């Protein structure tokens, strides 16, 4: 039998991990669609200003010009649009 404190700790660890899996799945489901938007050069996972997990979208130009072409949220996660510039593999 597992002590009650250990059960609680295990439940917290599993719950925290499931939210990571959730946002990764959301990113995977929407990544190709986001990247097909002209000017979008990257899609990742990061933190919103409030500290919550967010889908991060990098653009090659002014993000304000793309804001109306991109969603504000995806499946409950905020979408943060940032100018990253062109990304080149090295």
N, C-alpha and C. Protein backbone atom coordinates (compact mmCIF):
# COMPACT_ATOMS: atom_id res chain seq x y z
N UNK A 1 0.82 -1.17 0.00
CA UNK A 1 0.00 0.00 0.00
C UNK A 1 0.88 1.26 0.00
N UNK A 2 0.47 2.27 -0.78
CA UNK A 2 1.23 3.51 -0.88
C UNK A 2 0.69 4.49 0.17
N UNK A 3 1.59 5.11 0.94
CA UNK A 3 1.13 6.11 1.91
C UNK A 3 0.35 7.24 1.23
N UNK A 4 -0.57 7.84 1.96
CA UNK A 4 -1.45 8.87 1.39
C UNK A 4 -0.65 10.05 0.82
N UNK A 5 0.41 10.49 1.49
CA UNK A 5 1.22 11.60 0.99
C UNK A 5 1.87 11.24 -0.35
N UNK A 6 2.33 10.00 -0.49
CA UNK A 6 2.94 9.56 -1.74
C UNK A 6 1.90 9.50 -2.85
N UNK A 7 0.68 9.08 -2.52
CA UNK A 7 -0.40 9.04 -3.51
C UNK A 7 -0.72 10.45 -4.00
N UNK A 8 -0.76 11.40 -3.09
CA UNK A 8 -1.04 12.78 -3.46
C UNK A 8 0.07 13.33 -4.35
N UNK A 9 1.32 13.08 -3.98
CA UNK A 9 2.44 13.54 -4.78
C UNK A 9 2.39 12.93 -6.18
N UNK A 10 2.11 11.65 -6.27
CA UNK A 10 2.01 10.98 -7.56
C UNK A 10 0.89 11.59 -8.40
N UNK A 11 -0.24 11.88 -7.78
CA UNK A 11 -1.36 12.48 -8.50
C UNK A 11 -0.98 13.86 -9.03
N UNK A 12 -0.26 14.65 -8.24
CA UNK A 12 0.16 15.97 -8.69
C UNK A 12 1.15 15.89 -9.85
N UNK A 13 2.08 14.96 -9.77
CA UNK A 13 3.06 14.78 -10.84
C UNK A 13 2.36 14.36 -12.12
N UNK A 14 1.44 13.42 -12.02
CA UNK A 14 0.72 12.96 -13.21
C UNK A 14 -0.14 14.06 -13.80
N UNK A 15 -0.78 14.85 -12.96
CA UNK A 15 -1.62 15.95 -13.44
C UNK A 15 -0.77 17.01 -14.14
N UNK A 16 0.38 17.33 -13.59
CA UNK A 16 1.27 18.32 -14.21
C UNK A 16 1.76 17.82 -15.56
N UNK A 17 2.12 16.57 -15.62
CA UNK A 17 2.60 15.99 -16.88
C UNK A 17 1.53 15.95 -17.94
N UNK A 18 0.29 15.72 -17.55
CA UNK A 18 -0.78 15.62 -18.54
C UNK A 18 -1.04 16.96 -19.22
N UNK A 19 -0.83 18.09 -18.51
CA UNK A 19 -1.03 19.38 -19.16
C UNK A 19 0.05 19.62 -20.21
N UNK A 20 1.27 19.16 -19.96
CA UNK A 20 2.32 19.28 -20.97
C UNK A 20 1.97 18.47 -22.20
N UNK A 21 1.48 17.24 -21.99
CA UNK A 21 1.08 16.40 -23.11
C UNK A 21 -0.05 17.08 -23.85
N UNK A 22 -0.98 17.71 -23.13
CA UNK A 22 -2.11 18.38 -23.75
C UNK A 22 -1.68 19.48 -24.70
N UNK A 23 -0.80 20.36 -24.27
CA UNK A 23 -0.38 21.46 -25.14
C UNK A 23 0.48 20.95 -26.29
N UNK A 24 1.25 19.91 -26.05
CA UNK A 24 2.05 19.34 -27.15
C UNK A 24 1.14 18.76 -28.22
N UNK A 25 0.05 18.11 -27.79
CA UNK A 25 -0.90 17.56 -28.75
C UNK A 25 -1.61 18.67 -29.52
N UNK A 26 -1.98 19.74 -28.83
CA UNK A 26 -2.63 20.87 -29.49
C UNK A 26 -1.68 21.48 -30.51
N UNK A 27 -0.42 21.67 -30.13
CA UNK A 27 0.57 22.21 -31.06
C UNK A 27 0.71 21.31 -32.29
N UNK A 28 0.81 20.01 -32.06
CA UNK A 28 0.98 19.07 -33.16
C UNK A 28 -0.22 19.10 -34.11
N UNK A 29 -1.43 19.23 -33.56
CA UNK A 29 -2.63 19.25 -34.39
C UNK A 29 -2.71 20.51 -35.27
N UNK A 30 -2.18 21.63 -34.81
CA UNK A 30 -2.35 22.90 -35.51
C UNK A 30 -1.09 23.43 -36.18
N UNK A 31 0.04 22.80 -35.96
CA UNK A 31 1.32 23.33 -36.44
C UNK A 31 1.36 23.53 -37.95
N UNK A 32 0.96 22.54 -38.72
CA UNK A 32 1.03 22.67 -40.18
C UNK A 32 0.12 23.78 -40.70
N UNK A 33 -1.06 23.90 -40.10
CA UNK A 33 -1.98 24.96 -40.50
C UNK A 33 -1.39 26.34 -40.20
N UNK A 34 -0.81 26.49 -39.02
CA UNK A 34 -0.19 27.77 -38.65
C UNK A 34 0.98 28.09 -39.58
N UNK A 35 1.83 27.09 -39.83
CA UNK A 35 3.00 27.31 -40.68
C UNK A 35 2.63 27.59 -42.14
N UNK A 36 1.43 27.21 -42.55
CA UNK A 36 1.01 27.49 -43.92
C UNK A 36 0.56 28.94 -44.09
N UNK A 37 0.45 29.68 -43.00
CA UNK A 37 0.10 31.10 -43.07
C UNK A 37 1.33 31.89 -43.52
N UNK A 38 1.25 32.63 -44.63
CA UNK A 38 2.41 33.40 -45.09
C UNK A 38 2.92 34.33 -43.98
N UNK A 39 4.22 34.29 -43.75
CA UNK A 39 4.85 35.11 -42.72
C UNK A 39 5.11 34.38 -41.42
N UNK A 40 4.47 33.22 -41.21
CA UNK A 40 4.73 32.43 -40.00
C UNK A 40 5.93 31.54 -40.26
N UNK A 41 6.94 31.62 -39.38
CA UNK A 41 8.18 30.86 -39.59
C UNK A 41 8.44 29.83 -38.50
N UNK A 42 7.70 29.90 -37.39
CA UNK A 42 7.92 28.92 -36.33
C UNK A 42 6.68 28.79 -35.45
N UNK A 43 6.56 27.61 -34.84
CA UNK A 43 5.49 27.35 -33.88
C UNK A 43 6.12 26.58 -32.72
N UNK A 44 5.89 27.05 -31.52
CA UNK A 44 6.48 26.40 -30.36
C UNK A 44 5.56 26.50 -29.15
N UNK A 45 6.10 26.11 -28.02
CA UNK A 45 5.38 26.17 -26.75
C UNK A 45 6.19 27.04 -25.80
N UNK A 46 5.52 27.95 -25.14
CA UNK A 46 6.19 28.83 -24.20
C UNK A 46 5.23 29.28 -23.12
N UNK A 47 5.55 30.40 -22.50
CA UNK A 47 4.71 30.93 -21.44
C UNK A 47 4.14 32.28 -21.84
N UNK A 48 2.86 32.45 -21.57
CA UNK A 48 2.20 33.74 -21.77
C UNK A 48 2.65 34.69 -20.65
N UNK A 49 2.39 35.98 -20.79
CA UNK A 49 2.78 36.93 -19.74
C UNK A 49 2.24 36.58 -18.35
N UNK A 50 1.10 35.89 -18.30
CA UNK A 50 0.53 35.51 -17.00
C UNK A 50 1.13 34.22 -16.44
N UNK A 51 2.11 33.63 -17.16
CA UNK A 51 2.77 32.43 -16.69
C UNK A 51 2.13 31.13 -17.14
N UNK A 52 1.01 31.23 -17.84
CA UNK A 52 0.33 30.03 -18.33
C UNK A 52 1.00 29.56 -19.63
N UNK A 53 0.88 28.26 -19.90
CA UNK A 53 1.43 27.72 -21.14
C UNK A 53 0.70 28.32 -22.33
N UNK A 54 1.45 28.52 -23.42
CA UNK A 54 0.89 29.14 -24.62
C UNK A 54 1.53 28.55 -25.87
N UNK A 55 0.81 28.66 -26.97
CA UNK A 55 1.36 28.32 -28.28
C UNK A 55 2.05 29.59 -28.78
N UNK A 56 3.34 29.48 -29.08
CA UNK A 56 4.13 30.62 -29.52
C UNK A 56 4.28 30.56 -31.05
N UNK A 57 3.94 31.64 -31.73
CA UNK A 57 4.04 31.70 -33.18
C UNK A 57 5.05 32.78 -33.53
N UNK A 58 6.10 32.40 -34.27
CA UNK A 58 7.13 33.34 -34.70
C UNK A 58 6.85 33.80 -36.12
N UNK A 59 7.05 35.09 -36.37
CA UNK A 59 6.79 35.65 -37.70
C UNK A 59 8.05 36.29 -38.27
N UNK A 60 8.10 36.33 -39.60
CA UNK A 60 9.25 36.94 -40.27
C UNK A 60 9.09 38.44 -40.44
N UNK A 61 7.89 38.94 -40.18
CA UNK A 61 7.64 40.37 -40.31
C UNK A 61 6.78 40.84 -39.13
N UNK A 62 6.27 42.05 -39.23
CA UNK A 62 5.47 42.65 -38.16
C UNK A 62 4.30 41.74 -37.78
N UNK A 63 4.25 41.29 -36.53
CA UNK A 63 3.16 40.39 -36.13
C UNK A 63 1.78 41.03 -36.20
N UNK A 64 1.70 42.35 -36.10
CA UNK A 64 0.40 43.02 -36.17
C UNK A 64 -0.27 42.77 -37.52
N UNK A 65 0.53 42.66 -38.56
CA UNK A 65 -0.02 42.43 -39.90
C UNK A 65 -0.63 41.03 -40.03
N UNK A 66 -0.20 40.10 -39.20
CA UNK A 66 -0.70 38.72 -39.26
C UNK A 66 -1.75 38.41 -38.19
N UNK A 67 -1.90 39.29 -37.23
CA UNK A 67 -2.73 38.98 -36.07
C UNK A 67 -4.15 38.58 -36.46
N UNK A 68 -4.73 39.23 -37.48
CA UNK A 68 -6.11 38.89 -37.86
C UNK A 68 -6.19 37.58 -38.63
N UNK A 69 -5.05 37.03 -39.05
CA UNK A 69 -5.03 35.75 -39.77
C UNK A 69 -4.76 34.57 -38.83
N UNK A 70 -4.46 34.86 -37.57
CA UNK A 70 -4.12 33.82 -36.60
C UNK A 70 -5.13 33.82 -35.46
N UNK A 71 -5.39 32.66 -34.88
CA UNK A 71 -6.35 32.60 -33.77
C UNK A 71 -5.79 33.21 -32.49
N UNK A 72 -6.67 33.69 -31.64
CA UNK A 72 -6.26 34.19 -30.32
C UNK A 72 -5.97 33.05 -29.37
N UNK A 73 -6.69 31.93 -29.55
CA UNK A 73 -6.50 30.74 -28.72
C UNK A 73 -6.63 29.50 -29.60
N UNK A 74 -6.04 28.42 -29.14
CA UNK A 74 -6.19 27.11 -29.76
C UNK A 74 -6.54 26.11 -28.67
N UNK A 75 -7.74 25.61 -28.72
CA UNK A 75 -8.20 24.60 -27.76
C UNK A 75 -7.96 25.03 -26.32
N UNK A 76 -8.19 26.31 -26.05
CA UNK A 76 -8.06 26.83 -24.70
C UNK A 76 -6.70 27.40 -24.35
N UNK A 77 -5.70 27.21 -25.18
CA UNK A 77 -4.37 27.77 -24.93
C UNK A 77 -4.22 29.08 -25.68
N UNK A 78 -3.66 30.12 -25.05
CA UNK A 78 -3.46 31.38 -25.76
C UNK A 78 -2.40 31.23 -26.85
N UNK A 79 -2.58 31.99 -27.92
CA UNK A 79 -1.60 32.04 -29.01
C UNK A 79 -0.88 33.38 -28.90
N UNK A 80 0.43 33.31 -28.71
CA UNK A 80 1.27 34.51 -28.59
C UNK A 80 2.06 34.65 -29.89
N UNK A 81 1.90 35.79 -30.56
CA UNK A 81 2.56 36.03 -31.84
C UNK A 81 3.72 37.01 -31.61
N UNK A 82 4.92 36.60 -32.05
CA UNK A 82 6.13 37.41 -31.85
C UNK A 82 6.94 37.49 -33.14
N UNK A 83 7.56 38.64 -33.37
CA UNK A 83 8.46 38.79 -34.52
C UNK A 83 9.78 38.11 -34.18
N UNK A 84 10.14 37.09 -34.94
CA UNK A 84 11.41 36.40 -34.73
C UNK A 84 12.38 36.66 -35.87
N UNK A 85 11.85 37.13 -36.99
CA UNK A 85 12.68 37.28 -38.18
C UNK A 85 12.74 35.95 -38.92
N UNK A 86 13.44 35.95 -40.02
CA UNK A 86 13.59 34.74 -40.81
C UNK A 86 14.50 33.76 -40.07
N UNK A 87 14.12 32.50 -40.07
CA UNK A 87 14.91 31.47 -39.40
C UNK A 87 15.61 30.64 -40.47
N UNK A 88 16.93 30.50 -40.31
CA UNK A 88 17.73 29.73 -41.27
C UNK A 88 18.42 28.59 -40.54
N UNK A 89 18.37 27.40 -41.12
CA UNK A 89 19.09 26.27 -40.56
C UNK A 89 20.59 26.47 -40.77
N UNK A 90 21.37 26.04 -39.78
CA UNK A 90 22.83 26.18 -39.91
C UNK A 90 23.49 24.83 -39.88
